[in-house]
Amino acid sequence: MLILTDQTDLGRVIEHHVSILWPDGTCRVHAPLVSGRLHSAFTAAGYDVVILDERVERGLGLDWFENLRCRPIFPPVVFLAEHDDPELADQLLRRGAAGVLVRERIDHDQLTAVLNGALARRGERLASAANAPAGIAVSVPGYRCVRTLARGSTSTVYLAESERAGDMVVLKVLGDGPESSARGQFSRFLQEYQLISRIRHPNVVRIFDLGVAGDHAYFAMEHFPRGDLRKRIHHPLTPQEALDYLAQIARGLNAVHEVGVLHRDLKPGNVMLRADGSLAIIDFGLAKQLNLKVNITGTGEIFGTPYYMSPEQGHGQELDVRTDLYSLGVIFFEMLTGQKPYLAGNVMNVIYMHGNAPLPLLPQPLQCYQPLLVRLLAKQPHERFASAAELLAQVAGEVVP
């Protein structure tokens, strides 16, 4: 059961009724005022019945019902009306509701009858949809791929709905499986999963699953409905917001570094926003364990994004945690000013500026953050903060003017 309500007590009452009916059944309460609205592509594929509170999102239950009933193969919806209104109940039933109950006086027997009817209807809908053609060629059991988010040379990223989690997730799918000739690609793919799955921190992306389906290896991670920090920076941040985001990213980096991992590609596009406003670091495709040697490729290719790359990374030198802190300093400057500190006509000139150009200066109203920026963007690693923990200690003492 998926229960859509912002009233915690109401959710618990329904969970209690369901536990009596089906001891092995599970309920998930989704509170939009806390967790945000459901993704537009969400079809509740992992649920049998959805219970919708009329008071959801401060009384928008009827709007929610109209939205949900138009979604393909959506489970039957049981509506919890605020008052006993026969005319409203008749209208909702004619528009597809599986049942209408009064939220303040839920009768167990009545709820049982409504839910059993809804379950029977769910079975009929699934049977009729079993032969429907898939919209995306790749097929991963337990997931419904909605659309392609990104496509690279070795992997494709999809927005998908997880039947197990009952929510939207991001699927990263390798083009070839482990038995193909591209074993090196699979090893790197597996290493990325293993690196992230070792980290349990609110400011690092959560990983849910790893598997192989046919010719495709895949792993599933959390979906971020508010997009990335790059998009957020397009709208000016207050100094307080920038400082808060800096601290959140630093906490995530501290967790990453504590398990012996360098990110090596920290940038606004790899920092995501959750519905509650918290940040999480993603994309560990270039990450390396600190006990492994980090090299430039034989052709002189440099890993990373030049605009956010430390001087030592840009010149192929040995790296430690301070390279990620430099990248964080670039992000901090961009959050405060809306601009990147170094711009040039080509990649090599940007790399040169990171190593040789004067440190960028903040405008006068933001000068109080210049010392913090100097420590983050120092050309020499030994002049920077020695760790994310040291940076966090400094940030804790900052006062927003």
Protein backbone atom coordinates (compact mmCIF):
# COMPACT_ATOMS: atom_id res chain seq x y z
CA MET A 1 0.00 0.00 0.00
CA LEU A 2 1.13 3.52 -0.78
CA ILE A 3 -0.46 6.00 1.62
CA LEU A 4 -0.43 9.63 0.49
CA THR A 5 -0.98 11.84 3.52
CA ASP A 6 0.76 14.57 5.48
CA GLN A 7 -0.94 13.38 8.69
CA THR A 8 1.40 10.96 10.48
CA ASP A 9 -1.31 9.67 12.82
CA LEU A 10 -3.66 8.86 9.93
CA GLY A 11 -0.88 6.93 8.19
CA ARG A 12 -0.29 4.86 11.33
CA VAL A 13 -3.98 4.04 11.70
CA ILE A 14 -4.15 2.74 8.13
CA GLU A 15 -0.91 0.78 8.58
CA HIS A 16 -2.47 -0.87 11.64
CA HIS A 17 -5.57 -1.91 9.70
CA VAL A 18 -3.47 -3.28 6.84
CA SER A 19 -1.23 -5.26 9.22
CA ILE A 20 -4.33 -7.01 10.59
CA LEU A 21 -5.61 -7.83 7.11
CA TRP A 22 -2.27 -8.90 5.65
CA PRO A 23 0.48 -9.56 8.24
CA ASP A 24 3.05 -9.82 5.44
CA GLY A 25 1.84 -6.68 3.69
CA THR A 26 3.88 -3.49 3.64
CA CYS A 27 2.87 0.14 3.69
CA ARG A 28 4.80 3.24 2.74
CA VAL A 29 3.60 6.67 3.82
CA HIS A 30 4.56 9.49 1.46
CA ALA A 31 4.12 12.99 2.93
CA PRO A 32 4.39 15.56 0.10
CA LEU A 33 4.95 18.50 2.45
CA VAL A 34 8.11 16.75 3.66
CA SER A 35 9.23 14.59 0.74
CA GLY A 36 7.88 16.57 -2.22
CA ARG A 37 5.44 15.61 -4.93
CA LEU A 38 5.60 12.34 -6.83
CA HIS A 39 7.61 12.42 -10.04
CA SER A 40 5.44 12.97 -13.11
CA ALA A 41 6.55 9.60 -14.51
CA PHE A 42 5.82 7.67 -11.29
CA THR A 43 3.16 4.97 -11.82
CA ALA A 44 3.44 3.16 -8.45
CA ALA A 45 4.43 -0.04 -10.26
CA GLY A 46 5.56 -1.63 -7.00
CA TYR A 47 2.22 -1.13 -5.22
CA ASP A 48 -1.15 -2.86 -5.27
CA VAL A 49 -3.31 -0.05 -3.91
CA VAL A 50 -2.86 3.69 -3.27
CA ILE A 51 -4.72 5.38 -0.40
CA LEU A 52 -5.13 9.13 -0.91
CA ASP A 53 -5.99 11.64 1.84
CA GLU A 54 -8.16 14.59 0.75
CA ARG A 55 -6.12 16.84 3.04
CA VAL A 56 -2.84 15.94 1.38
CA GLU A 57 -0.66 18.96 0.61
CA ARG A 58 -2.97 21.27 2.59
CA GLY A 59 -6.21 20.12 0.99
CA LEU A 60 -5.21 19.30 -2.59
CA GLY A 61 -6.43 15.70 -2.49
CA LEU A 62 -8.94 16.16 -5.33
CA ASP A 63 -6.24 17.66 -7.56
CA TRP A 64 -3.99 14.72 -6.70
CA PHE A 65 -6.74 12.27 -7.61
CA GLU A 66 -7.22 13.83 -11.04
CA ASN A 67 -3.48 13.71 -11.65
CA LEU A 68 -3.04 10.10 -10.53
CA ARG A 69 -6.00 8.65 -12.37
CA CYS A 70 -4.52 9.81 -15.70
CA ARG A 71 -1.24 7.94 -15.17
CA PRO A 72 -0.91 4.70 -17.14
CA ILE A 73 -1.35 1.41 -15.27
CA PHE A 74 -1.66 3.30 -11.95
CA PRO A 75 -2.96 1.17 -9.03
CA PRO A 76 -6.54 1.64 -7.86
CA VAL A 77 -6.96 4.69 -5.60
CA VAL A 78 -8.96 4.62 -2.38
CA PHE A 79 -9.95 8.18 -1.46
CA LEU A 80 -10.22 9.33 2.16
CA ALA A 81 -12.75 12.17 2.13
CA GLU A 82 -12.74 14.87 4.76
CA HIS A 83 -16.54 14.76 5.18
CA ASP A 84 -19.40 12.38 4.45
CA ASP A 85 -20.45 13.80 1.07
CA PRO A 86 -22.46 11.30 -1.02
CA GLU A 87 -22.39 13.55 -4.08
CA LEU A 88 -18.58 13.81 -3.97
CA ALA A 89 -18.25 10.08 -3.36
CA ASP A 90 -20.47 9.29 -6.36
CA GLN A 91 -18.43 11.66 -8.55
CA LEU A 92 -15.12 10.08 -7.48
CA LEU A 93 -16.39 6.54 -8.03
CA ARG A 94 -17.61 7.45 -11.52
CA ARG A 95 -14.16 8.90 -12.26
CA GLY A 96 -12.40 5.69 -11.29
CA ALA A 97 -11.87 5.67 -7.51
CA ALA A 98 -11.78 2.17 -6.05
CA GLY A 99 -13.61 3.38 -2.96
CA VAL A 100 -14.39 6.47 -0.90
CA LEU A 101 -14.16 6.44 2.90
CA VAL A 102 -14.50 9.20 5.49
CA ARG A 103 -11.06 9.78 6.95
CA GLU A 104 -12.26 10.52 10.50
CA ARG A 105 -14.22 7.30 10.92
CA ILE A 106 -12.52 4.44 9.13
CA ASP A 107 -14.40 1.20 9.73
CA HIS A 108 -12.24 -1.92 9.58
CA ASP A 109 -14.79 -4.11 7.79
CA GLN A 110 -15.60 -1.40 5.27
CA LEU A 111 -11.90 -0.77 4.64
CA THR A 112 -11.36 -4.52 4.19
CA ALA A 113 -14.08 -4.73 1.55
CA VAL A 114 -12.79 -1.69 -0.33
CA LEU A 115 -9.18 -2.90 -0.32
CA ASN A 116 -10.11 -6.40 -1.48
CA GLY A 117 -12.10 -4.89 -4.35
CA ALA A 118 -9.15 -2.66 -5.22
CA LEU A 119 -6.77 -5.62 -5.25
CA ALA A 120 -9.03 -7.53 -7.65
CA ARG A 121 -9.13 -4.51 -9.95
CA ARG A 122 -5.33 -4.21 -9.79
CA GLY A 123 -4.96 -7.80 -10.96
CA GLU A 124 -7.22 -7.16 -13.95
CA ARG A 125 -5.26 -4.03 -14.96
CA LEU A 126 -1.91 -5.79 -14.77
CA ALA A 127 -3.18 -8.74 -16.83
CA SER A 128 -4.42 -6.44 -19.59
CA ALA A 129 -1.12 -4.51 -19.63
CA ALA A 130 1.13 -7.60 -19.65
CA ASN A 131 1.56 -7.58 -23.43
CA ALA A 132 2.04 -3.82 -23.81
CA PRO A 133 5.20 -2.92 -25.82
CA ALA A 134 8.15 -1.49 -23.89
CA GLY A 135 9.09 2.10 -24.64
CA ILE A 136 12.84 1.58 -24.12
CA ALA A 137 14.88 -1.27 -25.60
CA VAL A 138 16.82 -2.15 -22.43
CA SER A 139 14.98 -4.41 -20.00
CA VAL A 140 15.98 -4.73 -16.34
CA PRO A 141 13.76 -6.98 -14.21
CA GLY A 142 12.10 -5.09 -11.38
CA TYR A 143 12.52 -1.70 -13.05
CA ARG A 144 10.45 0.26 -15.54
CA CYS A 145 12.72 2.51 -17.58
CA VAL A 146 10.97 5.83 -18.22
CA ARG A 147 13.46 7.82 -20.26
CA THR A 148 17.14 8.21 -21.03
CA LEU A 149 18.93 10.81 -18.91
CA ALA A 150 22.46 10.53 -20.32
CA ARG A 151 24.39 8.36 -22.74
CA GLY A 152 28.15 7.81 -22.67
CA SER A 153 30.61 5.69 -24.60
CA THR A 154 30.30 2.73 -22.21
CA SER A 155 27.08 3.24 -20.23
CA THR A 156 23.62 4.79 -20.35
CA VAL A 157 21.74 6.40 -17.48
CA TYR A 158 17.97 6.03 -17.23
CA LEU A 159 15.23 7.42 -15.06
CA ALA A 160 13.36 4.34 -13.88
CA GLU A 161 10.69 3.23 -11.47
CA SER A 162 11.71 0.53 -9.01
CA GLU A 163 9.04 -2.02 -8.17
CA ARG A 164 10.97 -3.01 -5.04
CA ALA A 165 11.53 0.51 -3.69
CA GLY A 166 8.20 1.77 -5.04
CA ASP A 167 9.85 4.99 -6.11
CA MET A 168 11.80 6.63 -8.91
CA VAL A 169 15.49 5.68 -9.17
CA VAL A 170 18.36 6.28 -11.56
CA LEU A 171 19.67 3.22 -13.40
CA LYS A 172 23.21 3.24 -14.74
CA VAL A 173 23.47 0.45 -17.33
CA LEU A 174 26.70 -0.81 -18.88
CA GLY A 175 26.46 -1.54 -22.57
CA ASP A 176 28.13 -4.94 -22.29
CA GLY A 177 27.95 -7.57 -19.57
CA PRO A 178 30.83 -9.14 -17.64
CA GLU A 179 31.13 -12.05 -20.09
CA SER A 180 31.74 -9.81 -23.07
CA SER A 181 35.08 -8.80 -24.49
CA ALA A 182 34.87 -5.50 -22.61
CA ARG A 183 35.92 -6.92 -19.24
CA GLY A 184 37.90 -3.78 -18.47
CA GLN A 185 34.75 -1.69 -18.77
CA PHE A 186 32.85 -4.03 -16.46
CA SER A 187 35.68 -3.96 -13.91
CA ARG A 188 35.62 -0.14 -13.84
CA PHE A 189 31.81 -0.19 -13.64
CA LEU A 190 31.94 -2.62 -10.71
CA GLN A 191 34.65 -0.57 -9.01
CA GLU A 192 32.47 2.56 -9.19
CA TYR A 193 29.62 0.67 -7.51
CA GLN A 194 31.89 -0.77 -4.85
CA LEU A 195 33.41 2.63 -4.07
CA ILE A 196 30.04 4.31 -3.52
CA SER A 197 28.33 1.41 -1.77
CA ARG A 198 30.94 1.55 1.01
CA ILE A 199 29.85 5.07 1.93
CA ARG A 200 26.84 5.67 4.17
CA HIS A 201 26.36 9.41 4.53
CA PRO A 202 23.43 11.79 3.91
CA ASN A 203 25.59 13.96 1.63
CA VAL A 204 26.60 11.08 -0.66
CA VAL A 205 24.30 9.40 -3.18
CA ARG A 206 22.55 6.25 -1.94
CA ILE A 207 23.03 3.02 -3.93
CA PHE A 208 20.22 0.46 -3.90
CA ASP A 209 21.06 -2.42 -6.18
CA LEU A 210 23.64 -4.07 -8.45
CA GLY A 211 22.94 -6.80 -10.96
CA VAL A 212 23.23 -8.23 -14.45
CA ALA A 213 20.22 -8.50 -16.78
CA GLY A 214 20.93 -10.29 -20.05
CA ASP A 215 23.88 -8.52 -21.64
CA HIS A 216 23.66 -5.53 -19.32
CA ALA A 217 25.28 -4.90 -15.94
CA TYR A 218 23.51 -2.19 -13.97
CA PHE A 219 23.27 -0.47 -10.62
CA ALA A 220 20.44 1.59 -9.20
CA MET A 221 20.84 4.78 -7.19
CA GLU A 222 18.55 7.42 -5.73
CA HIS A 223 16.80 9.94 -7.94
CA PHE A 224 17.02 13.66 -7.21
CA PRO A 225 13.83 15.49 -8.19
CA ARG A 226 15.29 18.99 -7.82
CA GLY A 227 18.18 18.45 -10.21
CA ASP A 228 21.78 19.50 -9.70
CA LEU A 229 23.65 22.41 -8.13
CA ARG A 230 24.56 23.70 -11.59
CA LYS A 231 20.88 24.42 -12.20
CA ARG A 232 20.49 25.96 -8.72
CA ILE A 233 23.42 28.34 -9.23
CA HIS A 234 21.58 29.88 -12.18
CA HIS A 235 19.43 31.55 -9.51
CA PRO A 236 21.49 33.71 -7.12
CA LEU A 237 22.37 32.16 -3.77
CA THR A 238 22.56 34.15 -0.57
CA PRO A 239 25.91 34.00 1.29
CA GLN A 240 24.19 31.90 3.97
CA GLU A 241 22.97 29.39 1.37
CA ALA A 242 26.40 29.22 -0.24
CA LEU A 243 28.06 28.62 3.13
CA ASP A 244 25.49 25.94 4.02
CA TYR A 245 26.02 24.17 0.69
CA LEU A 246 29.78 24.41 1.15
CA ALA A 247 29.48 22.69 4.53
CA GLN A 248 27.20 19.95 3.18
CA ILE A 249 29.55 19.14 0.30
CA ALA A 250 32.51 19.18 2.69
CA ARG A 251 30.74 16.71 4.97
CA GLY A 252 30.13 14.45 2.00
CA LEU A 253 33.77 14.72 0.93
CA ASN A 254 34.91 13.96 4.45
CA ALA A 255 32.93 10.70 4.35
CA VAL A 256 34.34 9.86 0.92
CA HIS A 257 37.92 10.56 1.98
CA GLU A 258 37.53 8.60 5.22
CA VAL A 259 37.01 5.39 3.25
CA GLY A 260 40.10 6.16 1.17
CA VAL A 261 38.49 7.52 -1.99
CA LEU A 262 39.23 10.61 -4.11
CA HIS A 263 36.36 11.93 -6.21
CA ARG A 264 38.51 13.72 -8.83
CA ASP A 265 35.55 15.23 -10.72
CA LEU A 266 33.75 17.40 -8.18
CA LYS A 267 31.66 20.06 -9.94
CA PRO A 268 28.14 21.54 -9.64
CA GLY A 269 26.79 18.96 -12.09
CA ASN A 270 27.88 16.20 -9.70
CA VAL A 271 26.18 17.69 -6.65
CA MET A 272 22.46 16.97 -6.48
CA LEU A 273 19.55 18.45 -4.51
CA ARG A 274 16.99 16.30 -2.73
CA ALA A 275 13.37 17.32 -2.19
CA ASP A 276 14.20 18.44 1.37
CA GLY A 277 16.98 20.73 0.12
CA SER A 278 19.91 18.57 1.24
CA LEU A 279 22.83 17.96 -1.12
CA ALA A 280 24.47 14.72 -2.21
CA ILE A 281 27.64 14.05 -4.19
CA ILE A 282 27.21 11.73 -7.18
CA ASP A 283 29.15 10.30 -10.17
CA PHE A 284 32.18 8.41 -8.92
CA GLY A 285 33.14 7.27 -12.42
CA LEU A 286 36.55 8.95 -12.07
CA ALA A 287 36.99 8.19 -8.38
CA LYS A 288 40.10 6.34 -7.25
CA GLN A 289 41.14 4.64 -4.05
CA LEU A 290 43.95 6.50 -2.36
CA ASN A 291 46.06 3.36 -2.18
CA LEU A 292 46.00 3.03 -5.98
CA LYS A 293 48.31 5.01 -8.19
CA VAL A 294 46.50 7.80 -10.05
CA ASN A 295 47.96 8.31 -13.51
CA ILE A 296 47.56 10.26 -16.71
CA THR A 297 46.79 7.94 -19.61
CA GLY A 298 49.51 7.06 -22.06
CA THR A 299 48.17 9.57 -24.58
CA GLY A 300 48.37 12.45 -22.10
CA GLU A 301 44.61 12.56 -21.47
CA ILE A 302 43.66 14.29 -18.23
CA PHE A 303 40.74 12.98 -16.16
CA GLY A 304 38.36 15.57 -14.74
CA THR A 305 36.64 18.83 -15.70
CA PRO A 306 39.13 21.67 -16.39
CA TYR A 307 37.04 24.48 -14.86
CA TYR A 308 37.13 22.74 -11.46
CA MET A 309 40.49 20.96 -11.70
CA SER A 310 43.31 21.56 -9.22
CA PRO A 311 46.70 22.67 -10.58
CA GLU A 312 48.28 19.33 -9.68
CA GLN A 313 45.50 17.36 -11.36
CA GLY A 314 45.74 19.50 -14.48
CA HIS A 315 49.45 18.74 -14.74
CA GLY A 316 49.18 15.02 -14.03
CA GLN A 317 50.88 15.13 -10.65
CA GLU A 318 50.20 12.89 -7.65
CA LEU A 319 46.89 13.66 -5.95
CA ASP A 320 45.51 13.53 -2.43
CA VAL A 321 42.34 14.76 -0.72
CA ARG A 322 43.36 18.39 -1.22
CA THR A 323 42.60 18.16 -4.94
CA ASP A 324 38.90 17.67 -4.13
CA LEU A 325 39.04 20.60 -1.70
CA TYR A 326 40.40 22.82 -4.48
CA SER A 327 37.46 21.81 -6.69
CA LEU A 328 35.14 22.65 -3.80
CA GLY A 329 36.77 26.08 -3.60
CA VAL A 330 35.94 26.71 -7.27
CA ILE A 331 32.34 25.68 -6.58
CA PHE A 332 32.21 28.00 -3.55
CA PHE A 333 33.40 30.95 -5.65
CA GLU A 334 30.77 30.16 -8.26
CA MET A 335 28.03 29.87 -5.63
CA LEU A 336 28.94 33.29 -4.23
CA THR A 337 29.39 35.13 -7.53
CA GLY A 338 27.55 33.11 -10.18
CA GLN A 339 30.78 32.95 -12.20
CA LYS A 340 33.72 30.57 -12.59
CA PRO A 341 37.04 31.95 -11.34
CA TYR A 342 39.00 31.13 -14.51
CA LEU A 343 37.71 31.33 -18.08
CA ALA A 344 39.69 30.91 -21.30
CA GLY A 345 39.20 30.01 -24.94
CA ASN A 346 40.46 26.44 -24.67
CA VAL A 347 41.07 23.68 -22.15
CA MET A 348 44.84 24.06 -21.89
CA ASN A 349 44.57 27.78 -21.14
CA VAL A 350 42.08 27.07 -18.34
CA ILE A 351 44.48 24.49 -16.88
CA TYR A 352 47.33 27.02 -17.14
CA MET A 353 45.30 29.68 -15.31
CA HIS A 354 44.53 27.34 -12.43
CA GLY A 355 48.25 26.82 -11.95
CA ASN A 356 49.54 30.35 -12.64
CA ALA A 357 46.86 33.07 -12.64
CA PRO A 358 46.34 35.22 -9.51
CA LEU A 359 43.75 34.03 -7.03
CA PRO A 360 40.28 35.39 -7.84
CA LEU A 361 38.99 38.23 -5.69
CA LEU A 362 35.48 38.36 -4.30
CA PRO A 363 33.49 41.60 -4.64
CA GLN A 364 33.54 43.95 -1.66
CA PRO A 365 30.31 42.75 0.03
CA LEU A 366 31.74 39.22 0.10
CA GLN A 367 35.31 40.06 1.14
CA CYS A 368 34.80 38.39 4.52
CA TYR A 369 34.96 35.04 2.69
CA GLN A 370 38.22 35.83 0.89
CA PRO A 371 40.46 34.17 3.54
CA LEU A 372 38.39 30.99 3.29
CA LEU A 373 38.66 31.08 -0.50
CA VAL A 374 42.42 31.67 -0.36
CA ARG A 375 42.89 28.50 1.70
CA LEU A 376 40.72 26.48 -0.69
CA LEU A 377 42.23 27.77 -3.95
CA ALA A 378 45.90 27.92 -2.97
CA LYS A 379 48.12 26.87 -5.87
CA GLN A 380 50.23 24.64 -3.64
CA PRO A 381 48.42 21.76 -1.90
CA HIS A 382 50.30 22.30 1.37
CA GLU A 383 48.81 25.81 1.62
CA ARG A 384 45.23 24.50 1.51
CA PHE A 385 43.14 22.92 4.24
CA ALA A 386 44.67 19.55 5.05
CA SER A 387 41.29 17.82 5.14
CA ALA A 388 37.56 18.35 4.77
CA ALA A 389 37.28 18.09 8.55
CA GLU A 390 39.66 21.05 8.95
CA LEU A 391 37.59 23.01 6.43
CA LEU A 392 34.39 22.22 8.34
CA ALA A 393 35.95 23.50 11.56
CA GLN A 394 36.72 26.77 9.79
CA VAL A 395 33.24 27.02 8.26
CA ALA A 396 31.65 26.51 11.69
CA GLY A 397 33.30 29.73 12.82
CA GLU A 398 32.19 31.83 9.85
CA VAL A 399 29.66 34.59 10.51
CA VAL A 400 27.35 35.70 7.71
CA PRO A 401 27.23 39.50 7.51
